[in-house]
Amino acid sequence: MNKHTRKRFIAGATCPSCKQQDTLMLYSENNVEKLACVKCDYAESQADKNVTKASKGSTGVIGVFKP
């Protein structure tokens, strides 16, 4: 993340890792939305909608056997 990246803090949000409140920030990097905690090393990124849609369709299940 460069120093010119616009960061938005999420008021009232609690970090799932360190449980601190008001420490999560949302920012965009290479057109991918990312979430990070400023108190611990927690980070999460949201996949592109097209990638998410494609991955939901391919579950690896060929069929369901119903006796």
C-alpha atoms as a PDB file:
ATOM      1  CA  MET A   1       0.000   0.000   0.000  1.00  0.00           C
ATOM      2  CA  ASN A   2       1.523   3.320  -1.004  1.00  0.00           C
ATOM      3  CA  LYS A   3       1.232   6.502   1.032  1.00  0.00           C
ATOM      4  CA  HIS A   4      -1.250   8.039  -1.440  1.00  0.00           C
ATOM      5  CA  THR A   5      -3.844   5.303  -1.013  1.00  0.00           C
ATOM      6  CA  ARG A   6      -7.098   6.710   0.361  1.00  0.00           C
ATOM      7  CA  LYS A   7      -8.088   4.864   3.536  1.00  0.00           C
ATOM      8  CA  ARG A   8     -11.539   4.916   5.134  1.00  0.00           C
ATOM      9  CA  PHE A   9     -12.035   3.811   8.708  1.00  0.00           C
ATOM     10  CA  ILE A  10     -15.188   1.867   9.537  1.00  0.00           C
ATOM     11  CA  ALA A  11     -16.820   3.437  12.603  1.00  0.00           C
ATOM     12  CA  GLY A  12     -17.929   0.935  15.217  1.00  0.00           C
ATOM     13  CA  ALA A  13     -16.363  -2.071  13.472  1.00  0.00           C
ATOM     14  CA  THR A  14     -14.510  -4.635  15.575  1.00  0.00           C
ATOM     15  CA  CYS A  15     -11.448  -6.486  14.298  1.00  0.00           C
ATOM     16  CA  PRO A  16     -12.148 -10.243  14.121  1.00  0.00           C
ATOM     17  CA  SER A  17      -8.563 -10.987  15.160  1.00  0.00           C
ATOM     18  CA  CYS A  18      -7.633  -8.622  18.017  1.00  0.00           C
ATOM     19  CA  LYS A  19     -11.220  -7.601  18.958  1.00  0.00           C
ATOM     20  CA  GLN A  20     -10.281  -3.883  19.055  1.00  0.00           C
ATOM     21  CA  GLN A  21     -13.004  -1.469  17.987  1.00  0.00           C
ATOM     22  CA  ASP A  22     -12.551   1.335  15.413  1.00  0.00           C
ATOM     23  CA  THR A  23      -9.272  -0.056  14.050  1.00  0.00           C
ATOM     24  CA  LEU A  24     -10.450  -1.433  10.682  1.00  0.00           C
ATOM     25  CA  MET A  25      -9.726   0.523   7.524  1.00  0.00           C
ATOM     26  CA  LEU A  26     -10.989  -0.069   3.995  1.00  0.00           C
ATOM     27  CA  TYR A  27      -8.885   0.832   0.969  1.00  0.00           C
ATOM     28  CA  SER A  28      -8.517  -0.070  -2.685  1.00  0.00           C
ATOM     29  CA  GLU A  29      -5.311  -1.476  -4.182  1.00  0.00           C
ATOM     30  CA  ASN A  30      -5.082  -2.501  -7.850  1.00  0.00           C
ATOM     31  CA  ASN A  31      -8.913  -2.303  -8.104  1.00  0.00           C
ATOM     32  CA  VAL A  32      -9.317  -4.795  -5.234  1.00  0.00           C
ATOM     33  CA  GLU A  33     -11.020  -3.686  -2.015  1.00  0.00           C
ATOM     34  CA  LYS A  34      -8.973  -4.550   1.047  1.00  0.00           C
ATOM     35  CA  LEU A  35      -9.677  -4.454   4.756  1.00  0.00           C
ATOM     36  CA  ALA A  36      -6.919  -4.142   7.340  1.00  0.00           C
ATOM     37  CA  CYS A  37      -6.551  -3.569  11.068  1.00  0.00           C
ATOM     38  CA  VAL A  38      -4.114  -0.860  12.178  1.00  0.00           C
ATOM     39  CA  LYS A  39      -3.513  -2.580  15.544  1.00  0.00           C
ATOM     40  CA  CYS A  40      -2.693  -6.124  14.442  1.00  0.00           C
ATOM     41  CA  ASP A  41      -1.726  -7.966  11.241  1.00  0.00           C
ATOM     42  CA  TYR A  42      -5.311  -8.847  10.226  1.00  0.00           C
ATOM     43  CA  ALA A  43      -6.011  -8.269   6.532  1.00  0.00           C
ATOM     44  CA  GLU A  44      -8.705  -9.397   4.125  1.00  0.00           C
ATOM     45  CA  SER A  45      -9.338  -8.726   0.455  1.00  0.00           C
ATOM     46  CA  GLN A  46     -12.503  -9.019  -1.588  1.00  0.00           C
ATOM     47  CA  ALA A  47     -12.286 -10.973  -4.835  1.00  0.00           C
ATOM     48  CA  ASP A  48     -13.573  -9.492  -8.063  1.00  0.00           C
ATOM     49  CA  LYS A  49     -17.310 -10.200  -8.566  1.00  0.00           C
ATOM     50  CA  ASN A  50     -16.590 -12.121 -11.784  1.00  0.00           C
ATOM     51  CA  VAL A  51     -14.098 -14.372  -9.994  1.00  0.00           C
ATOM     52  CA  THR A  52     -16.498 -15.000  -7.114  1.00  0.00           C
ATOM     53  CA  LYS A  53     -19.356 -15.842  -9.480  1.00  0.00           C
ATOM     54  CA  ALA A  54     -17.190 -18.288 -11.476  1.00  0.00           C
ATOM     55  CA  SER A  55     -15.871 -20.016  -8.370  1.00  0.00           C
ATOM     56  CA  LYS A  56     -19.351 -20.579  -6.906  1.00  0.00           C
ATOM     57  CA  GLY A  57     -20.408 -22.490 -10.008  1.00  0.00           C
ATOM     58  CA  SER A  58     -17.566 -24.974  -9.914  1.00  0.00           C
ATOM     59  CA  THR A  59     -18.059 -26.910  -6.685  1.00  0.00           C
ATOM     60  CA  GLY A  60     -16.406 -30.059  -7.981  1.00  0.00           C
ATOM     61  CA  VAL A  61     -19.574 -32.110  -7.434  1.00  0.00           C
ATOM     62  CA  ILE A  62     -20.516 -34.200 -10.455  1.00  0.00           C
ATOM     63  CA  GLY A  63     -23.790 -35.497  -9.116  1.00  0.00           C
ATOM     64  CA  VAL A  64     -25.661 -36.481  -5.988  1.00  0.00           C
ATOM     65  CA  PHE A  65     -26.578 -40.111  -5.448  1.00  0.00           C
ATOM     66  CA  LYS A  66     -30.094 -40.557  -4.108  1.00  0.00           C
ATOM     67  CA  PRO A  67     -30.982 -44.236  -3.476  1.00  0.00           C
END
